[in-house]
Structure formats: structure tokens, C-alpha cells
N, C-alpha and C. Protein backbone atom coordinates (compact mmCIF):
# COMPACT_ATOMS: atom_id res chain seq x y z
N MET A 1 87.18 86.07 98.22
CA MET A 1 88.23 87.33 98.05
C MET A 1 87.68 88.25 98.50
N ALA A 2 86.28 88.71 98.22
CA ALA A 2 85.62 89.71 98.48
C ALA A 2 85.36 89.81 100.18
N LEU A 3 85.13 88.67 100.69
CA LEU A 3 84.75 88.49 102.01
C LEU A 3 86.18 88.83 102.91
N ALA A 4 87.36 88.18 102.24
CA ALA A 4 88.33 88.45 103.18
C ALA A 4 88.70 90.02 103.18
N TRP A 5 88.28 90.57 101.81
CA TRP A 5 88.81 92.12 102.07
C TRP A 5 87.82 92.80 102.82
N SER A 6 86.36 92.35 102.99
CA SER A 6 85.45 92.92 104.09
C SER A 6 86.16 92.75 105.40
N MET A 7 86.50 91.47 105.69
CA MET A 7 87.02 91.13 106.94
C MET A 7 88.08 92.24 107.57
N GLY A 8 88.86 92.42 106.46
CA GLY A 8 90.05 93.39 106.65
C GLY A 8 89.37 94.98 106.70
N LEU A 9 88.69 95.13 106.20
CA LEU A 9 87.81 96.71 106.52
C LEU A 9 87.18 96.30 107.85
N LEU A 10 86.66 95.39 108.34
CA LEU A 10 86.21 95.32 109.53
C LEU A 10 86.89 95.43 110.73
N LEU A 11 88.24 94.67 110.22
CA LEU A 11 89.41 94.63 111.45
C LEU A 11 90.07 95.91 111.57
N GLY A 12 90.15 96.78 110.55
CA GLY A 12 90.87 98.05 110.36
C GLY A 12 90.01 99.07 111.22
N THR A 13 88.72 98.93 110.75
CA THR A 13 87.90 100.15 111.54
C THR A 13 87.78 99.77 113.01
N LEU A 14 87.78 98.48 113.45
CA LEU A 14 87.78 98.30 115.00
C LEU A 14 88.95 98.53 115.44
N PHE A 15 90.29 98.55 114.71
CA PHE A 15 91.45 98.78 115.30
C PHE A 15 91.73 100.34 115.47
N TYR A 16 91.06 101.14 114.20
CA TYR A 16 91.53 102.49 114.22
C TYR A 16 90.50 103.10 115.00
N GLY A 17 89.34 102.77 115.00
CA GLY A 17 88.14 103.12 115.61
C GLY A 17 88.53 102.86 117.28
N GLY A 18 89.01 101.96 117.78
CA GLY A 18 89.36 101.87 118.98
C GLY A 18 90.47 102.40 119.74
N LEU A 19 91.44 102.94 118.71
CA LEU A 19 92.36 103.78 118.92
C LEU A 19 91.97 105.12 118.93
N TRP A 20 91.24 105.90 118.41
CA TRP A 20 90.46 107.19 118.42
C TRP A 20 89.65 107.05 119.92
N TRP A 21 89.02 105.91 120.12
CA TRP A 21 88.40 105.95 121.42
C TRP A 21 89.18 106.04 122.55
N THR A 22 90.34 105.11 122.51
CA THR A 22 91.25 104.96 123.44
C THR A 22 91.95 106.44 123.72
N VAL A 23 92.26 107.00 123.02
CA VAL A 23 93.08 108.16 122.92
C VAL A 23 92.05 109.37 123.72
N ASN A 24 90.81 109.29 123.19
CA ASN A 24 89.76 110.12 123.83
C ASN A 24 89.78 109.97 125.34
N LYS A 25 89.43 108.75 125.89
CA LYS A 25 89.47 108.34 127.10
C LYS A 25 90.71 108.50 127.72
N ALA A 26 91.89 108.57 127.52
CA ALA A 26 93.22 108.53 128.19
C ALA A 26 93.39 110.10 128.53
N VAL A 27 93.16 111.11 127.29
CA VAL A 27 93.15 112.44 127.76
C VAL A 27 92.75 112.72 128.89
N LYS A 28 91.43 112.22 129.08
CA LYS A 28 90.58 112.52 130.29
C LYS A 28 90.89 111.78 131.75
N SER A 29 91.73 110.60 131.44
CA SER A 29 91.84 109.85 132.60
C SER A 29 92.88 110.22 133.61
N GLN A 30 92.84 109.71 134.84
CA GLN A 30 93.95 110.07 135.73
C GLN A 30 95.22 108.99 135.34
N THR A 31 94.93 107.76 134.76
CA THR A 31 95.98 106.71 134.28
C THR A 31 95.91 106.66 132.88
N PRO A 32 96.30 107.58 132.15
CA PRO A 32 96.12 107.21 130.50
C PRO A 32 96.85 105.98 130.22
N SER A 33 98.12 105.75 130.67
CA SER A 33 98.89 104.49 130.56
C SER A 33 98.14 103.21 130.41
N HIS A 34 97.10 102.92 131.51
CA HIS A 34 96.59 101.91 131.63
C HIS A 34 95.49 101.79 130.30
N TRP A 35 95.00 102.90 129.82
CA TRP A 35 94.02 102.86 128.77
C TRP A 35 94.76 102.50 127.46
N LEU A 36 95.97 103.09 127.55
CA LEU A 36 96.64 102.68 126.15
C LEU A 36 97.23 101.76 126.09
N VAL A 37 97.86 101.17 127.08
CA VAL A 37 98.44 99.80 126.93
C VAL A 37 97.35 98.61 127.06
N GLY A 38 96.38 98.72 127.95
CA GLY A 38 95.39 97.46 127.91
C GLY A 38 94.46 97.92 126.46
N SER A 39 94.33 98.83 125.90
CA SER A 39 93.66 98.81 124.69
C SER A 39 94.74 98.37 123.55
N MET A 40 95.90 98.84 123.41
CA MET A 40 96.74 97.98 122.37
C MET A 40 96.73 96.69 122.37
N ILE A 41 96.86 95.91 123.73
CA ILE A 41 96.82 94.85 123.82
C ILE A 41 95.57 94.05 123.37
N LEU A 42 94.39 94.58 123.52
CA LEU A 42 92.98 94.10 123.02
C LEU A 42 92.92 94.38 121.43
N ARG A 43 93.22 95.57 121.03
CA ARG A 43 93.10 95.93 119.64
C ARG A 43 94.27 94.86 118.69
N LEU A 44 95.48 94.81 119.17
CA LEU A 44 96.23 93.77 118.43
C LEU A 44 95.90 92.56 118.71
N SER A 45 95.35 92.10 119.68
CA SER A 45 94.90 90.64 119.86
C SER A 45 93.65 90.54 118.68
N LEU A 46 92.66 91.54 118.76
CA LEU A 46 91.73 91.05 117.79
C LEU A 46 91.97 91.16 116.55
N VAL A 47 92.94 91.81 116.13
CA VAL A 47 93.44 92.28 114.91
C VAL A 47 94.15 90.95 114.39
N LEU A 48 94.92 90.53 115.11
CA LEU A 48 95.77 89.48 114.85
C LEU A 48 95.17 88.13 114.59
N THR A 49 94.17 87.87 115.82
CA THR A 49 93.39 86.89 115.62
C THR A 49 92.50 86.77 114.32
N GLY A 50 92.01 87.93 113.92
CA GLY A 50 91.25 88.07 112.70
C GLY A 50 92.00 87.59 111.28
N LEU A 51 93.25 88.11 111.55
CA LEU A 51 94.21 87.76 110.24
C LEU A 51 94.46 86.27 110.20
N TYR A 52 94.80 86.02 111.49
CA TYR A 52 94.99 84.38 111.37
C TYR A 52 93.75 83.61 111.02
N VAL A 53 92.91 83.69 111.43
CA VAL A 53 91.43 83.29 110.87
C VAL A 53 91.39 83.31 109.16
N VAL A 54 91.53 84.54 108.71
CA VAL A 54 91.65 84.62 107.11
C VAL A 54 92.78 83.93 106.69
N SER A 55 93.98 83.97 107.27
CA SER A 55 95.10 83.40 106.48
C SER A 55 95.01 81.98 106.34
N GLY A 56 93.70 80.94 107.33
CA GLY A 56 93.78 79.58 107.09
C GLY A 56 93.02 79.22 105.61
N THR A 57 92.31 80.34 105.14
CA THR A 57 91.74 79.85 103.71
C THR A 57 92.86 80.41 102.50
N GLY A 58 94.07 80.70 102.86
CA GLY A 58 95.00 81.11 101.73
C GLY A 58 95.72 82.49 101.92
N LEU A 59 97.07 82.25 101.47
CA LEU A 59 98.03 83.42 101.59
C LEU A 59 97.12 84.75 101.05
N GLN A 60 96.33 84.54 99.48
CA GLN A 60 95.65 85.63 98.92
C GLN A 60 94.68 86.18 99.71
N HIS A 61 94.01 85.29 100.43
CA HIS A 61 93.02 86.10 101.34
C HIS A 61 93.39 86.86 102.47
N LEU A 62 94.86 86.36 102.96
CA LEU A 62 95.52 87.43 104.06
C LEU A 62 96.03 88.50 103.35
N GLY A 63 96.28 88.50 102.13
CA GLY A 63 96.77 89.76 101.43
C GLY A 63 95.47 90.56 101.11
N MET A 64 94.33 89.95 100.84
CA MET A 64 93.09 91.31 100.43
C MET A 64 92.84 91.57 102.05
N ALA A 65 92.88 90.82 103.04
CA ALA A 65 92.41 91.01 104.42
C ALA A 65 93.42 92.62 104.71
N LEU A 66 94.78 92.17 104.78
CA LEU A 66 95.69 93.08 104.99
C LEU A 66 95.75 94.40 104.34
N LEU A 67 95.15 94.48 102.82
CA LEU A 67 94.56 95.62 101.99
C LEU A 67 93.68 96.11 102.52
N GLY A 68 92.38 95.62 103.00
CA GLY A 68 91.79 96.34 103.89
C GLY A 68 91.85 97.05 104.75
N VAL A 69 92.74 96.44 105.91
CA VAL A 69 93.11 97.24 106.91
C VAL A 69 93.86 98.37 106.65
N LEU A 70 94.55 98.26 105.40
CA LEU A 70 95.73 99.56 105.19
C LEU A 70 94.66 100.38 104.52
N MET A 71 93.91 100.24 103.94
CA MET A 71 92.99 101.18 103.15
C MET A 71 92.14 101.94 104.36
N VAL A 72 91.54 101.17 105.44
CA VAL A 72 91.36 101.94 106.53
C VAL A 72 92.16 102.58 107.14
N ARG A 73 93.43 102.37 107.28
CA ARG A 73 94.17 102.97 107.92
C ARG A 73 94.55 104.49 107.18
N GLN A 74 94.37 104.40 105.93
CA GLN A 74 94.90 105.51 104.87
C GLN A 74 93.50 106.60 105.29
N VAL A 75 92.07 106.09 105.45
CA VAL A 75 90.99 106.85 105.52
C VAL A 75 91.17 107.57 106.85
N ALA A 76 91.44 107.00 107.87
CA ALA A 76 91.49 107.18 109.08
C ALA A 76 92.66 108.33 109.40
N PHE A 77 93.81 108.29 108.88
CA PHE A 77 94.78 109.21 108.78
C PHE A 77 94.25 110.43 107.94
N PHE A 78 93.56 110.56 106.86
CA PHE A 78 93.09 111.42 106.21
C PHE A 78 91.99 112.22 107.16
N ILE A 79 91.08 111.63 107.67
CA ILE A 79 90.15 112.00 108.48
C ILE A 79 90.78 112.73 109.69
N THR A 80 91.77 112.26 110.41
CA THR A 80 92.36 112.93 111.74
C THR A 80 93.53 113.89 111.16
N ARG A 81 93.99 113.95 110.01
CA ARG A 81 95.25 115.02 109.92
C ARG A 81 94.59 116.30 110.59
N PRO A 82 95.64 116.90 111.11
CA PRO A 82 95.70 118.39 111.68
C PRO A 82 95.03 119.28 110.74
N GLU A 83 95.50 119.37 109.34
CA GLU A 83 95.34 120.52 108.73
C GLU A 83 93.83 120.30 108.10
N ARG A 84 93.12 119.13 108.19
CA ARG A 84 91.69 119.22 107.72
C ARG A 84 90.82 119.46 108.95
N ALA A 85 91.48 119.51 110.15
CA ALA A 85 90.46 119.63 111.44
C ALA A 85 90.36 121.07 111.56
N THR A 86 91.39 121.91 111.10
CA THR A 86 91.23 123.53 111.31
C THR A 86 91.34 124.21 110.15
N HIS A 87 91.42 123.56 109.06
CA HIS A 87 91.89 124.59 107.60
C HIS A 87 90.34 125.16 107.14
N GLY A 88 90.15 126.29 107.11
CA GLY A 88 89.16 127.09 106.40
C GLY A 88 88.15 127.26 107.46
N MET A 89 88.46 126.72 109.21
CA MET A 89 87.11 126.73 109.92
C MET A 89 86.68 128.08 110.39
N PRO A 90 85.70 128.64 110.31
CA PRO A 90 85.47 129.88 110.67
C PRO A 90 85.65 129.96 112.31
N GLY A 91 86.06 130.86 112.90
CA GLY A 91 86.74 131.34 114.06
C GLY A 91 87.69 130.93 114.51
N ARG A 92 88.70 130.38 113.53
CA ARG A 92 89.85 129.83 113.56
C ARG A 92 90.78 130.69 114.45
N VAL A 93 91.62 130.42 115.55
CA VAL A 93 92.15 131.49 116.03
C VAL A 93 93.78 131.63 115.08
N GLN A 94 93.89 132.49 115.04
CA GLN A 94 95.30 133.05 114.07
C GLN A 94 96.32 133.67 115.10
N HIS A 95 97.35 133.22 115.07
CA HIS A 95 98.37 133.28 115.86
C HIS A 95 99.09 134.31 115.59
N ALA A 96 99.85 135.30 116.44
CA ALA A 96 100.61 136.41 116.12
C ALA A 96 101.73 136.40 115.04
N SER A 97 102.00 135.06 115.26
CA SER A 97 103.19 134.78 114.11
C SER A 97 102.77 134.62 112.85
N GLN A 98 101.69 134.39 112.34
CA GLN A 98 101.02 134.19 111.26
C GLN A 98 100.06 135.48 110.58
N SER A 99 100.58 136.65 111.29
CA SER A 99 99.74 137.77 111.15
C SER A 99 100.59 138.41 109.71
């Protein structure tokens, strides 16, 4: 069970880390749609293949792997949320409407 959970953590890290990397590349690219679509296909293929492999050992293992992916999702959302990125940072720009 711990191995299936670890596999889920790895798959989630690859998926959301790949998403972060892709968005950074797409912002600077002349053709962001190519980056976004290509990355989506690659990331989904990787995660679905990994989950398929884990599911061969039983539904309980698949559930643990999915739990691992969802845990990474929560961490990624926490790290990248806008409030965290700007809250309390020195040199933060204050808009006229906030005065």
C-alpha cells in the first residue's frame, strides 16, 4: 500500500510539476497552444499509464495511488495560490483602490 501511495505522489508531482513548467514555457512562447496541448497529452498519458499499472495490483492500491495524486494537488494549489505569492511581501505594490 505504501508503494502505491508513493507511486501516486510521484505521478502527482510529475503531473503538476509538468503543468507548472509548461505554463512558464507557454507564457514566453510564440505558440503557447502547442506547449499546452502537447504537455496535456504527455502528462495525462503518463499519469493514466501509471495508474493503470498500479490498478493491476488491486483497487485498494489504485485508491492509495489516487490519494497520493490528490495530496500533491492540494500542496501544489497551496504553494501557487495568489495570496501566498504576494501576501506580506516587502515592496508589494499597493493600488490606489486599496488606499
